[in-house]
Amino acid sequence: NQKLAVKIQKPGVQREALADILLIKFLAFWLRMIFHAPVDFKEAVREWECWTLRELDYRLEAENAERFRAQNTNPEVYIPKVFKEYSGAKILTEEFLEGISLNRIHRDAEIVSLEDRTRITKKLVRAQLWAYFKTGFFHADPHPGNVILLSDGRLAFVDFGIMGEAGTHKENHHFANFIKFSADGAVAEAVSHFRKFMAGAGALPIIAEILPGRLQRK
């Protein structure tokens, strides 16, 4: 017998989500009108709406999980198996994982030592960078509740509703240099590569609205 983890969508969730989206759109419109904000809240709301509606379709999450599992070559990371024959748009069945949620470790300082916490943190950072640079497909919502520490020391990811895709090789080069120079404390070089990375990813115009003038400096 095998233990399974079954995620079932609560009835009426989609209707409630659509009502929330409508309310947020209304607030975004009035915030823009009242405060004359330089940021276009509508674009942010549209992106949030897109991701929210995608997360409500568990078939997409199942596809993300299977792809992430197939591409994972990191010996420090484990991705649970999906049982598609028992899954659908509103139900997702996966392999049950025995371990401790990082959320629980974060709340209770007595579960693991400070030294172990440091090792876990480094392992999580390595896992994200590994996925980004090795496969280009990575978990985009790795908060403590979505990561489990297994008994063998590996980290297991769950909840694959929000995933990310890496950019081009050139963008990755700037991102890698941003991390390197940040770790070295070379702020000017780090900012320069981050700016180039954001420009290649198409996000620079949005950032420029928030920080006018600063990103124009060379």
N, C-alpha and C. Protein backbone atom coordinates (compact mmCIF):
# COMPACT_ATOMS: atom_id res chain seq x y z
N ASN A 1 0.83 -1.20 0.00
CA ASN A 1 0.00 0.00 0.00
C ASN A 1 0.87 1.26 0.00
N GLN A 2 0.42 2.28 -0.68
CA GLN A 2 1.16 3.54 -0.75
C GLN A 2 0.30 4.68 -0.24
N LYS A 3 0.91 5.52 0.60
CA LYS A 3 0.20 6.68 1.10
C LYS A 3 0.12 7.74 0.01
N LEU A 4 -1.02 8.38 -0.09
CA LEU A 4 -1.23 9.42 -1.09
C LEU A 4 -1.64 10.72 -0.43
N ALA A 5 -1.25 11.82 -1.05
CA ALA A 5 -1.69 13.15 -0.63
C ALA A 5 -2.71 13.64 -1.65
N VAL A 6 -3.91 13.95 -1.20
CA VAL A 6 -4.98 14.35 -2.11
C VAL A 6 -5.38 15.80 -1.84
N LYS A 7 -5.28 16.62 -2.87
CA LYS A 7 -5.64 18.04 -2.78
C LYS A 7 -6.98 18.22 -3.49
N ILE A 8 -7.99 18.64 -2.73
CA ILE A 8 -9.33 18.79 -3.28
C ILE A 8 -9.75 20.26 -3.19
N GLN A 9 -10.24 20.77 -4.30
CA GLN A 9 -10.65 22.18 -4.33
C GLN A 9 -12.00 22.35 -3.62
N LYS A 10 -12.04 23.30 -2.73
CA LYS A 10 -13.26 23.58 -1.98
C LYS A 10 -14.35 24.10 -2.93
N PRO A 11 -15.58 23.61 -2.80
CA PRO A 11 -16.67 24.09 -3.67
C PRO A 11 -16.87 25.60 -3.54
N GLY A 12 -17.05 26.28 -4.65
CA GLY A 12 -17.30 27.71 -4.62
C GLY A 12 -16.06 28.58 -4.62
N VAL A 13 -14.87 27.97 -4.61
CA VAL A 13 -13.63 28.74 -4.56
C VAL A 13 -13.46 29.61 -5.80
N GLN A 14 -13.78 29.06 -6.96
CA GLN A 14 -13.60 29.82 -8.20
C GLN A 14 -14.51 31.06 -8.21
N ARG A 15 -15.74 30.89 -7.74
CA ARG A 15 -16.66 32.02 -7.68
C ARG A 15 -16.14 33.10 -6.72
N GLU A 16 -15.61 32.67 -5.58
CA GLU A 16 -15.06 33.62 -4.61
C GLU A 16 -13.83 34.32 -5.16
N ALA A 17 -13.00 33.55 -5.89
CA ALA A 17 -11.79 34.14 -6.48
C ALA A 17 -12.15 35.21 -7.51
N LEU A 18 -13.15 34.95 -8.34
CA LEU A 18 -13.57 35.92 -9.34
C LEU A 18 -14.12 37.19 -8.69
N ALA A 19 -14.83 37.02 -7.57
CA ALA A 19 -15.36 38.18 -6.84
C ALA A 19 -14.21 39.00 -6.26
N ASP A 20 -13.19 38.33 -5.72
CA ASP A 20 -12.02 39.03 -5.18
C ASP A 20 -11.27 39.77 -6.27
N ILE A 21 -11.14 39.14 -7.43
CA ILE A 21 -10.44 39.76 -8.56
C ILE A 21 -11.16 41.04 -8.98
N LEU A 22 -12.48 40.98 -9.05
CA LEU A 22 -13.28 42.14 -9.42
C LEU A 22 -13.09 43.27 -8.41
N LEU A 23 -13.05 42.93 -7.13
CA LEU A 23 -12.86 43.93 -6.08
C LEU A 23 -11.48 44.57 -6.17
N ILE A 24 -10.44 43.74 -6.39
CA ILE A 24 -9.08 44.26 -6.50
C ILE A 24 -8.94 45.17 -7.72
N LYS A 25 -9.59 44.80 -8.82
CA LYS A 25 -9.55 45.65 -10.02
C LYS A 25 -10.17 47.02 -9.73
N PHE A 26 -11.26 47.01 -8.99
CA PHE A 26 -11.95 48.25 -8.63
C PHE A 26 -11.03 49.12 -7.76
N LEU A 27 -10.39 48.51 -6.76
CA LEU A 27 -9.49 49.25 -5.87
C LEU A 27 -8.28 49.79 -6.64
N ALA A 28 -7.75 48.98 -7.56
CA ALA A 28 -6.59 49.41 -8.35
C ALA A 28 -6.93 50.63 -9.18
N PHE A 29 -8.13 50.65 -9.75
CA PHE A 29 -8.57 51.79 -10.56
C PHE A 29 -8.62 53.05 -9.72
N TRP A 30 -9.23 52.97 -8.52
CA TRP A 30 -9.38 54.16 -7.70
C TRP A 30 -8.07 54.61 -7.06
N LEU A 31 -7.19 53.67 -6.74
CA LEU A 31 -5.87 54.04 -6.21
C LEU A 31 -5.10 54.86 -7.24
N ARG A 32 -5.19 54.43 -8.47
CA ARG A 32 -4.51 55.15 -9.57
C ARG A 32 -5.11 56.55 -9.74
N MET A 33 -6.42 56.64 -9.65
CA MET A 33 -7.11 57.92 -9.84
C MET A 33 -6.86 58.88 -8.68
N ILE A 34 -6.93 58.37 -7.46
CA ILE A 34 -6.84 59.24 -6.27
C ILE A 34 -5.42 59.70 -6.00
N PHE A 35 -4.48 58.75 -6.05
CA PHE A 35 -3.11 59.08 -5.66
C PHE A 35 -2.20 59.41 -6.84
N HIS A 36 -2.72 59.29 -8.05
CA HIS A 36 -1.92 59.57 -9.25
C HIS A 36 -0.59 58.80 -9.21
N ALA A 37 -0.68 57.53 -8.84
CA ALA A 37 0.52 56.70 -8.68
C ALA A 37 1.22 56.50 -10.02
N PRO A 38 2.56 56.48 -10.01
CA PRO A 38 3.31 56.29 -11.26
C PRO A 38 3.25 54.86 -11.78
N VAL A 39 2.81 53.93 -10.92
CA VAL A 39 2.77 52.53 -11.30
C VAL A 39 1.37 52.18 -11.81
N ASP A 40 1.30 51.43 -12.89
CA ASP A 40 0.02 50.99 -13.43
C ASP A 40 -0.43 49.75 -12.66
N PHE A 41 -1.30 49.94 -11.67
CA PHE A 41 -1.76 48.83 -10.86
C PHE A 41 -2.53 47.80 -11.70
N LYS A 42 -3.14 48.23 -12.78
CA LYS A 42 -3.93 47.32 -13.58
C LYS A 42 -3.09 46.18 -14.14
N GLU A 43 -1.86 46.49 -14.54
CA GLU A 43 -0.98 45.46 -15.08
C GLU A 43 -0.65 44.42 -14.01
N ALA A 44 -0.37 44.89 -12.79
CA ALA A 44 -0.07 43.97 -11.70
C ALA A 44 -1.28 43.10 -11.38
N VAL A 45 -2.46 43.70 -11.37
CA VAL A 45 -3.68 42.96 -11.09
C VAL A 45 -3.96 41.92 -12.17
N ARG A 46 -3.72 42.30 -13.42
CA ARG A 46 -3.95 41.36 -14.53
C ARG A 46 -3.05 40.14 -14.40
N GLU A 47 -1.78 40.38 -14.03
CA GLU A 47 -0.86 39.25 -13.87
C GLU A 47 -1.29 38.37 -12.70
N TRP A 48 -1.69 39.02 -11.59
CA TRP A 48 -2.18 38.26 -10.44
C TRP A 48 -3.42 37.45 -10.80
N GLU A 49 -4.33 38.04 -11.58
CA GLU A 49 -5.55 37.35 -12.00
C GLU A 49 -5.20 36.12 -12.83
N CYS A 50 -4.24 36.29 -13.73
CA CYS A 50 -3.83 35.18 -14.60
C CYS A 50 -3.32 34.01 -13.78
N TRP A 51 -2.40 34.30 -12.83
CA TRP A 51 -1.82 33.23 -12.01
C TRP A 51 -2.85 32.60 -11.09
N THR A 52 -3.77 33.42 -10.56
CA THR A 52 -4.80 32.90 -9.66
C THR A 52 -5.70 31.91 -10.37
N LEU A 53 -6.16 32.27 -11.56
CA LEU A 53 -7.04 31.39 -12.32
C LEU A 53 -6.33 30.12 -12.77
N ARG A 54 -5.04 30.25 -13.09
CA ARG A 54 -4.26 29.06 -13.47
C ARG A 54 -4.14 28.10 -12.29
N GLU A 55 -3.94 28.65 -11.09
CA GLU A 55 -3.78 27.82 -9.90
C GLU A 55 -5.05 27.04 -9.57
N LEU A 56 -6.19 27.53 -10.04
CA LEU A 56 -7.45 26.85 -9.74
C LEU A 56 -7.68 25.64 -10.64
N ASP A 57 -6.86 25.48 -11.66
CA ASP A 57 -6.95 24.31 -12.54
C ASP A 57 -5.83 23.35 -12.17
N TYR A 58 -6.16 22.31 -11.43
CA TYR A 58 -5.14 21.39 -10.93
C TYR A 58 -4.50 20.55 -12.02
N ARG A 59 -5.12 20.52 -13.21
CA ARG A 59 -4.49 19.79 -14.32
C ARG A 59 -3.18 20.48 -14.73
N LEU A 60 -3.16 21.81 -14.69
CA LEU A 60 -1.94 22.55 -15.00
C LEU A 60 -0.87 22.30 -13.94
N GLU A 61 -1.29 22.24 -12.68
CA GLU A 61 -0.33 21.96 -11.62
C GLU A 61 0.25 20.56 -11.77
N ALA A 62 -0.58 19.61 -12.17
CA ALA A 62 -0.09 18.25 -12.39
C ALA A 62 0.95 18.21 -13.50
N GLU A 63 0.70 18.95 -14.57
CA GLU A 63 1.66 19.02 -15.68
C GLU A 63 2.97 19.65 -15.22
N ASN A 64 2.87 20.71 -14.43
CA ASN A 64 4.08 21.36 -13.91
C ASN A 64 4.88 20.40 -13.03
N ALA A 65 4.19 19.67 -12.18
CA ALA A 65 4.86 18.74 -11.26
C ALA A 65 5.57 17.63 -12.04
N GLU A 66 4.90 17.10 -13.06
CA GLU A 66 5.51 16.02 -13.85
C GLU A 66 6.73 16.53 -14.61
N ARG A 67 6.62 17.72 -15.15
CA ARG A 67 7.76 18.29 -15.89
C ARG A 67 8.93 18.58 -14.94
N PHE A 68 8.62 19.13 -13.78
CA PHE A 68 9.66 19.46 -12.80
C PHE A 68 10.35 18.18 -12.31
N ARG A 69 9.57 17.14 -12.09
CA ARG A 69 10.12 15.87 -11.64
C ARG A 69 11.01 15.25 -12.70
N ALA A 70 10.56 15.31 -13.96
CA ALA A 70 11.31 14.71 -15.07
C ALA A 70 12.63 15.43 -15.30
N GLN A 71 12.65 16.75 -15.09
CA GLN A 71 13.86 17.53 -15.36
C GLN A 71 14.79 17.64 -14.16
N ASN A 72 14.33 17.24 -13.00
CA ASN A 72 15.16 17.39 -11.80
C ASN A 72 16.31 16.39 -11.79
N THR A 73 17.52 16.91 -11.76
CA THR A 73 18.72 16.07 -11.67
C THR A 73 19.54 16.41 -10.44
N ASN A 74 18.96 17.22 -9.56
CA ASN A 74 19.66 17.64 -8.35
C ASN A 74 19.52 16.56 -7.28
N PRO A 75 20.63 15.97 -6.81
CA PRO A 75 20.56 14.91 -5.80
C PRO A 75 20.06 15.40 -4.44
N GLU A 76 20.01 16.73 -4.25
CA GLU A 76 19.55 17.27 -2.97
C GLU A 76 18.06 17.59 -2.98
N VAL A 77 17.39 17.35 -4.11
CA VAL A 77 15.99 17.73 -4.27
C VAL A 77 15.14 16.53 -4.69
N TYR A 78 13.93 16.48 -4.14
CA TYR A 78 12.99 15.42 -4.52
C TYR A 78 11.65 16.05 -4.91
N ILE A 79 11.06 15.56 -5.99
CA ILE A 79 9.77 16.04 -6.46
C ILE A 79 8.79 14.85 -6.40
N PRO A 80 7.66 15.00 -5.72
CA PRO A 80 6.72 13.88 -5.58
C PRO A 80 6.09 13.46 -6.91
N LYS A 81 5.75 12.18 -6.97
CA LYS A 81 5.10 11.63 -8.16
C LYS A 81 3.63 12.02 -8.18
N VAL A 82 3.13 12.33 -9.38
CA VAL A 82 1.71 12.66 -9.56
C VAL A 82 0.98 11.44 -10.12
N PHE A 83 -0.19 11.16 -9.57
CA PHE A 83 -1.03 10.08 -10.08
C PHE A 83 -2.16 10.71 -10.90
N LYS A 84 -1.90 10.87 -12.19
CA LYS A 84 -2.84 11.59 -13.06
C LYS A 84 -4.16 10.84 -13.22
N GLU A 85 -4.11 9.52 -13.06
CA GLU A 85 -5.35 8.75 -13.21
C GLU A 85 -6.34 9.05 -12.08
N TYR A 86 -5.84 9.62 -10.99
CA TYR A 86 -6.70 9.99 -9.87
C TYR A 86 -6.76 11.50 -9.69
N SER A 87 -6.43 12.23 -10.73
CA SER A 87 -6.41 13.69 -10.67
C SER A 87 -7.29 14.29 -11.74
N GLY A 88 -7.62 15.57 -11.57
CA GLY A 88 -8.45 16.26 -12.54
C GLY A 88 -8.36 17.76 -12.33
N ALA A 89 -9.33 18.50 -12.84
CA ALA A 89 -9.30 19.96 -12.74
C ALA A 89 -9.41 20.45 -11.30
N LYS A 90 -10.10 19.67 -10.45
CA LYS A 90 -10.34 20.12 -9.08
C LYS A 90 -9.84 19.14 -8.03
N ILE A 91 -9.07 18.15 -8.47
CA ILE A 91 -8.49 17.20 -7.53
C ILE A 91 -7.10 16.80 -8.02
N LEU A 92 -6.15 16.78 -7.09
CA LEU A 92 -4.77 16.43 -7.44
C LEU A 92 -4.27 15.38 -6.45
N THR A 93 -3.80 14.27 -6.99
CA THR A 93 -3.32 13.18 -6.15
C THR A 93 -1.83 12.97 -6.38
N GLU A 94 -1.08 13.07 -5.29
CA GLU A 94 0.38 12.93 -5.37
C GLU A 94 0.87 11.95 -4.32
N GLU A 95 2.11 11.56 -4.48
CA GLU A 95 2.79 10.73 -3.50
C GLU A 95 2.88 11.48 -2.17
N PHE A 96 2.55 10.80 -1.07
CA PHE A 96 2.63 11.42 0.25
C PHE A 96 4.09 11.44 0.72
N LEU A 97 4.52 12.58 1.23
CA LEU A 97 5.91 12.74 1.64
C LEU A 97 6.03 12.76 3.17
N GLU A 98 6.92 11.94 3.69
CA GLU A 98 7.19 11.91 5.13
C GLU A 98 8.34 12.87 5.42
N GLY A 99 8.06 13.91 6.18
CA GLY A 99 9.11 14.87 6.49
C GLY A 99 8.58 16.02 7.33
N ILE A 100 9.40 17.06 7.45
CA ILE A 100 9.04 18.23 8.26
C ILE A 100 8.99 19.45 7.35
N SER A 101 7.88 20.16 7.40
CA SER A 101 7.73 21.39 6.62
C SER A 101 8.71 22.44 7.12
N LEU A 102 9.32 23.18 6.20
CA LEU A 102 10.21 24.27 6.61
C LEU A 102 9.44 25.34 7.37
N ASN A 103 8.15 25.41 7.17
CA ASN A 103 7.31 26.34 7.91
C ASN A 103 7.31 25.99 9.39
N ARG A 104 7.24 24.70 9.68
CA ARG A 104 7.28 24.24 11.07
C ARG A 104 8.67 24.48 11.68
N ILE A 105 9.70 24.25 10.89
CA ILE A 105 11.07 24.49 11.36
C ILE A 105 11.27 25.97 11.66
N HIS A 106 10.67 26.82 10.81
CA HIS A 106 10.78 28.26 11.00
C HIS A 106 10.09 28.70 12.29
N ARG A 107 8.95 28.09 12.62
CA ARG A 107 8.19 28.48 13.80
C ARG A 107 8.78 27.95 15.10
N ASP A 108 9.34 26.74 15.03
CA ASP A 108 9.83 26.08 16.24
C ASP A 108 11.36 25.96 16.20
N ALA A 109 12.03 26.77 17.00
CA ALA A 109 13.49 26.80 16.98
C ALA A 109 14.12 25.54 17.56
N GLU A 110 13.33 24.71 18.26
CA GLU A 110 13.88 23.52 18.91
C GLU A 110 13.92 22.29 18.00
N ILE A 111 13.30 22.38 16.83
CA ILE A 111 13.25 21.22 15.94
C ILE A 111 14.63 20.89 15.38
N VAL A 112 15.34 21.90 14.90
CA VAL A 112 16.69 21.71 14.37
C VAL A 112 17.60 22.79 14.94
N SER A 113 18.89 22.51 14.94
CA SER A 113 19.86 23.45 15.48
C SER A 113 20.07 24.61 14.51
N LEU A 114 20.69 25.66 15.01
CA LEU A 114 21.01 26.81 14.17
C LEU A 114 21.93 26.40 13.03
N GLU A 115 22.86 25.50 13.33
CA GLU A 115 23.77 25.01 12.29
C GLU A 115 23.01 24.29 11.18
N ASP A 116 22.03 23.46 11.58
CA ASP A 116 21.23 22.75 10.59
C ASP A 116 20.35 23.71 9.79
N ARG A 117 19.84 24.74 10.45
CA ARG A 117 19.05 25.75 9.74
C ARG A 117 19.87 26.41 8.64
N THR A 118 21.12 26.69 8.97
CA THR A 118 22.02 27.32 7.99
C THR A 118 22.23 26.40 6.80
N ARG A 119 22.44 25.11 7.08
CA ARG A 119 22.65 24.14 6.00
C ARG A 119 21.40 24.01 5.13
N ILE A 120 20.23 24.01 5.76
CA ILE A 120 18.98 23.89 5.02
C ILE A 120 18.77 25.11 4.12
N THR A 121 19.08 26.30 4.67
CA THR A 121 18.93 27.53 3.89
C THR A 121 19.84 27.52 2.67
N LYS A 122 21.09 27.12 2.87
CA LYS A 122 22.02 27.05 1.75
C LYS A 122 21.57 26.03 0.71
N LYS A 123 21.02 24.93 1.19
CA LYS A 123 20.55 23.89 0.28
C LYS A 123 19.36 24.39 -0.55
N LEU A 124 18.49 25.16 0.07
CA LEU A 124 17.33 25.70 -0.64
C LEU A 124 17.77 26.70 -1.71
N VAL A 125 18.74 27.55 -1.37
CA VAL A 125 19.25 28.51 -2.36
C VAL A 125 19.91 27.78 -3.52
N ARG A 126 20.71 26.76 -3.20
CA ARG A 126 21.36 25.97 -4.26
C ARG A 126 20.32 25.29 -5.15
N ALA A 127 19.27 24.81 -4.53
CA ALA A 127 18.23 24.11 -5.29
C ALA A 127 17.57 25.04 -6.30
N GLN A 128 17.28 26.27 -5.87
CA GLN A 128 16.65 27.22 -6.78
C GLN A 128 17.58 27.62 -7.92
N LEU A 129 18.83 27.87 -7.58
CA LEU A 129 19.79 28.26 -8.61
C LEU A 129 20.06 27.10 -9.58
N TRP A 130 20.12 25.88 -9.03
CA TRP A 130 20.32 24.69 -9.86
C TRP A 130 19.21 24.58 -10.90
N ALA A 131 17.96 24.67 -10.43
CA ALA A 131 16.82 24.55 -11.35
C ALA A 131 16.84 25.66 -12.39
N TYR A 132 17.15 26.88 -11.95
CA TYR A 132 17.14 28.03 -12.86
C TYR A 132 18.18 27.88 -13.97
N PHE A 133 19.40 27.53 -13.57
CA PHE A 133 20.49 27.50 -14.55
C PHE A 133 20.64 26.16 -15.27
N LYS A 134 20.26 25.06 -14.61
CA LYS A 134 20.43 23.75 -15.22
C LYS A 134 19.29 23.38 -16.16
N THR A 135 18.06 23.66 -15.74
CA THR A 135 16.92 23.24 -16.54
C THR A 135 16.12 24.42 -17.10
N GLY A 136 16.21 25.58 -16.45
CA GLY A 136 15.44 26.74 -16.89
C GLY A 136 13.99 26.71 -16.43
N PHE A 137 13.62 25.70 -15.63
CA PHE A 137 12.26 25.57 -15.12
C PHE A 137 12.34 25.44 -13.61
N PHE A 138 11.75 26.38 -12.89
CA PHE A 138 11.98 26.42 -11.44
C PHE A 138 10.70 26.74 -10.68
N HIS A 139 10.70 26.39 -9.41
CA HIS A 139 9.57 26.66 -8.52
C HIS A 139 9.57 28.15 -8.21
N ALA A 140 8.46 28.83 -8.53
CA ALA A 140 8.40 30.29 -8.36
C ALA A 140 7.70 30.72 -7.08
N ASP A 141 7.37 29.76 -6.22
CA ASP A 141 6.71 30.09 -4.95
C ASP A 141 7.28 29.23 -3.82
N PRO A 142 8.61 29.30 -3.60
CA PRO A 142 9.26 28.40 -2.64
C PRO A 142 9.21 28.91 -1.19
N HIS A 143 8.03 29.31 -0.71
CA HIS A 143 7.95 29.74 0.69
C HIS A 143 8.04 28.50 1.59
N PRO A 144 8.31 28.68 2.89
CA PRO A 144 8.54 27.54 3.79
C PRO A 144 7.43 26.48 3.78
N GLY A 145 6.19 26.89 3.54
CA GLY A 145 5.10 25.92 3.52
C GLY A 145 5.12 25.01 2.31
N ASN A 146 5.89 25.36 1.28
CA ASN A 146 5.95 24.56 0.06
C ASN A 146 7.22 23.72 -0.05
N VAL A 147 8.00 23.67 1.03
CA VAL A 147 9.24 22.89 1.02
C VAL A 147 9.26 21.98 2.25
N ILE A 148 9.61 20.71 2.03
CA ILE A 148 9.63 19.72 3.10
C ILE A 148 11.03 19.14 3.23
N LEU A 149 11.51 19.04 4.47
CA LEU A 149 12.79 18.41 4.74
C LEU A 149 12.54 16.92 4.97
N LEU A 150 13.07 16.09 4.07
CA LEU A 150 12.89 14.65 4.19
C LEU A 150 13.88 14.06 5.19
N SER A 151 13.62 12.84 5.62
CA SER A 151 14.47 12.20 6.63
C SER A 151 15.89 11.96 6.14
N ASP A 152 16.08 11.84 4.82
CA ASP A 152 17.41 11.60 4.27
C ASP A 152 18.17 12.91 3.99
N GLY A 153 17.56 14.07 4.37
CA GLY A 153 18.25 15.34 4.20
C GLY A 153 17.90 16.09 2.93
N ARG A 154 17.20 15.43 2.01
CA ARG A 154 16.81 16.11 0.78
C ARG A 154 15.66 17.07 1.03
N LEU A 155 15.54 18.05 0.14
CA LEU A 155 14.41 18.98 0.18
C LEU A 155 13.41 18.56 -0.88
N ALA A 156 12.14 18.51 -0.49
CA ALA A 156 11.08 18.16 -1.42
C ALA A 156 10.18 19.37 -1.62
N PHE A 157 9.87 19.66 -2.87
CA PHE A 157 8.99 20.78 -3.19
C PHE A 157 7.57 20.25 -3.40
N VAL A 158 6.59 21.07 -3.00
CA VAL A 158 5.18 20.76 -3.26
C VAL A 158 4.50 22.02 -3.76
N ASP A 159 3.28 21.88 -4.24
CA ASP A 159 2.48 22.99 -4.75
C ASP A 159 3.14 23.63 -5.97
N PHE A 160 2.78 23.12 -7.13
CA PHE A 160 3.42 23.55 -8.38
C PHE A 160 2.51 24.42 -9.24
N GLY A 161 1.64 25.19 -8.57
CA GLY A 161 0.73 26.07 -9.30
C GLY A 161 1.43 27.25 -9.96
N ILE A 162 2.53 27.71 -9.35
CA ILE A 162 3.28 28.85 -9.90
C ILE A 162 4.71 28.41 -10.18
N MET A 163 5.06 28.30 -11.45
CA MET A 163 6.41 27.93 -11.86
C MET A 163 6.98 29.04 -12.74
N GLY A 164 8.30 29.06 -12.85
CA GLY A 164 8.96 30.09 -13.66
C GLY A 164 9.82 29.49 -14.75
N GLU A 165 10.02 30.27 -15.79
CA GLU A 165 10.88 29.87 -16.91
C GLU A 165 12.05 30.84 -16.98
N ALA A 166 13.27 30.31 -17.10
CA ALA A 166 14.44 31.15 -17.22
C ALA A 166 14.46 31.85 -18.57
N GLY A 167 15.20 32.95 -18.64
CA GLY A 167 15.30 33.70 -19.88
C GLY A 167 16.36 33.14 -20.80
N THR A 168 16.89 34.00 -21.66
CA THR A 168 17.90 33.58 -22.62
C THR A 168 19.24 33.38 -21.92
N HIS A 169 20.20 32.82 -22.65
CA HIS A 169 21.54 32.60 -22.10
C HIS A 169 22.18 33.93 -21.68
N LYS A 170 21.94 34.97 -22.48
CA LYS A 170 22.51 36.28 -22.17
C LYS A 170 21.93 36.82 -20.86
N GLU A 171 20.63 36.68 -20.67
CA GLU A 171 20.00 37.13 -19.44
C GLU A 171 20.53 36.34 -18.25
N ASN A 172 20.69 35.02 -18.43
CA ASN A 172 21.20 34.19 -17.35
C ASN A 172 22.61 34.60 -16.95
N HIS A 173 23.40 34.99 -17.95
CA HIS A 173 24.77 35.45 -17.69
C HIS A 173 24.76 36.67 -16.77
N HIS A 174 23.87 37.62 -17.05
CA HIS A 174 23.79 38.81 -16.20
C HIS A 174 23.26 38.46 -14.81
N PHE A 175 22.32 37.54 -14.74
CA PHE A 175 21.77 37.14 -13.45
C PHE A 175 22.85 36.46 -12.60
N ALA A 176 23.63 35.60 -13.23
CA ALA A 176 24.72 34.91 -12.52
C ALA A 176 25.74 35.91 -12.00
N ASN A 177 26.08 36.89 -12.81
CA ASN A 177 27.04 37.91 -12.38
C ASN A 177 26.46 38.79 -11.29
N PHE A 178 25.15 39.04 -11.34
CA PHE A 178 24.50 39.80 -10.28
C PHE A 178 24.67 39.09 -8.94
N ILE A 179 24.47 37.78 -8.92
CA ILE A 179 24.62 37.00 -7.69
C ILE A 179 26.08 37.01 -7.22
N LYS A 180 27.00 36.81 -8.17
CA LYS A 180 28.42 36.77 -7.83
C LYS A 180 28.89 38.08 -7.22
N PHE A 181 28.59 39.19 -7.89
CA PHE A 181 29.05 40.49 -7.38
C PHE A 181 28.32 40.88 -6.10
N SER A 182 27.08 40.45 -5.94
CA SER A 182 26.37 40.72 -4.69
C SER A 182 27.05 40.01 -3.54
N ALA A 183 27.42 38.75 -3.76
CA ALA A 183 28.11 37.97 -2.72
C ALA A 183 29.47 38.57 -2.39
N ASP A 184 30.11 39.17 -3.37
CA ASP A 184 31.42 39.79 -3.16
C ASP A 184 31.32 41.18 -2.55
N GLY A 185 30.11 41.73 -2.48
CA GLY A 185 29.94 43.07 -1.94
C GLY A 185 30.23 44.17 -2.94
N ALA A 186 30.33 43.81 -4.22
CA ALA A 186 30.58 44.80 -5.27
C ALA A 186 29.24 45.35 -5.75
N VAL A 187 28.74 46.34 -5.04
CA VAL A 187 27.38 46.84 -5.27
C VAL A 187 27.19 47.42 -6.68
N ALA A 188 28.13 48.24 -7.12
CA ALA A 188 27.99 48.89 -8.43
C ALA A 188 27.90 47.87 -9.56
N GLU A 189 28.80 46.88 -9.52
CA GLU A 189 28.79 45.84 -10.56
C GLU A 189 27.52 45.00 -10.48
N ALA A 190 27.07 44.70 -9.26
CA ALA A 190 25.86 43.91 -9.07
C ALA A 190 24.64 44.63 -9.65
N VAL A 191 24.53 45.91 -9.34
CA VAL A 191 23.41 46.72 -9.85
C VAL A 191 23.44 46.79 -11.37
N SER A 192 24.64 46.94 -11.94
CA SER A 192 24.78 47.03 -13.39
C SER A 192 24.27 45.76 -14.06
N HIS A 193 24.65 44.58 -13.53
CA HIS A 193 24.21 43.33 -14.14
C HIS A 193 22.73 43.08 -13.88
N PHE A 194 22.23 43.51 -12.72
CA PHE A 194 20.81 43.35 -12.44
C PHE A 194 19.99 44.19 -13.42
N ARG A 195 20.47 45.40 -13.68
CA ARG A 195 19.79 46.29 -14.63
C ARG A 195 19.73 45.65 -16.02
N LYS A 196 20.85 45.06 -16.45
CA LYS A 196 20.90 44.42 -17.76
C LYS A 196 20.01 43.18 -17.81
N PHE A 197 19.97 42.45 -16.69
CA PHE A 197 19.12 41.27 -16.62
C PHE A 197 17.65 41.65 -16.73
N MET A 198 17.25 42.69 -15.99
CA MET A 198 15.86 43.14 -16.01
C MET A 198 15.47 43.70 -17.38
N ALA A 199 16.43 44.36 -18.02
CA ALA A 199 16.16 44.91 -19.35
C ALA A 199 15.92 43.78 -20.34
N GLY A 200 16.73 42.73 -20.27
CA GLY A 200 16.57 41.58 -21.16
C GLY A 200 15.29 40.82 -20.90
N ALA A 201 14.83 40.83 -19.63
CA ALA A 201 13.61 40.12 -19.27
C ALA A 201 12.36 40.93 -19.58
N GLY A 202 12.57 42.18 -20.02
CA GLY A 202 11.42 43.02 -20.36
C GLY A 202 10.79 43.70 -19.17
N ALA A 203 11.44 43.66 -18.00
CA ALA A 203 10.86 44.23 -16.79
C ALA A 203 11.37 45.63 -16.47
N LEU A 204 12.37 46.08 -17.21
CA LEU A 204 12.98 47.38 -16.89
C LEU A 204 11.98 48.54 -16.96
N PRO A 205 11.09 48.61 -17.96
CA PRO A 205 10.14 49.73 -17.99
C PRO A 205 9.27 49.82 -16.74
N ILE A 206 8.89 48.65 -16.19
CA ILE A 206 8.06 48.64 -14.99
C ILE A 206 8.86 49.14 -13.79
N ILE A 207 10.11 48.64 -13.67
CA ILE A 207 10.96 49.08 -12.56
C ILE A 207 11.26 50.56 -12.68
N ALA A 208 11.44 51.04 -13.90
CA ALA A 208 11.75 52.45 -14.12
C ALA A 208 10.61 53.35 -13.65
N GLU A 209 9.36 52.85 -13.72
CA GLU A 209 8.24 53.64 -13.24
C GLU A 209 8.31 53.81 -11.73
N ILE A 210 8.80 52.77 -11.06
CA ILE A 210 8.88 52.80 -9.60
C ILE A 210 10.08 53.62 -9.13
N LEU A 211 11.20 53.49 -9.83
CA LEU A 211 12.42 54.21 -9.47
C LEU A 211 12.84 55.12 -10.61
N PRO A 212 12.10 56.16 -10.90
CA PRO A 212 12.42 57.03 -12.04
C PRO A 212 13.79 57.67 -11.90
N GLY A 213 14.53 57.61 -13.00
CA GLY A 213 15.84 58.25 -13.02
C GLY A 213 16.98 57.38 -12.56
N ARG A 214 16.74 56.57 -11.53
CA ARG A 214 17.85 55.80 -10.97
C ARG A 214 18.36 54.75 -11.93
N LEU A 215 17.45 54.13 -12.68
CA LEU A 215 17.85 53.08 -13.58
C LEU A 215 18.40 53.62 -14.89
N GLN A 216 18.35 54.92 -15.04
CA GLN A 216 18.89 55.51 -16.26
C GLN A 216 20.39 55.80 -16.13
N ARG A 217 20.87 55.71 -14.90
CA ARG A 217 22.30 55.98 -14.69
C ARG A 217 23.14 54.84 -15.22
N LYS A 218 24.25 55.16 -15.79
CA LYS A 218 25.12 54.14 -16.32
C LYS A 218 26.23 53.83 -15.32
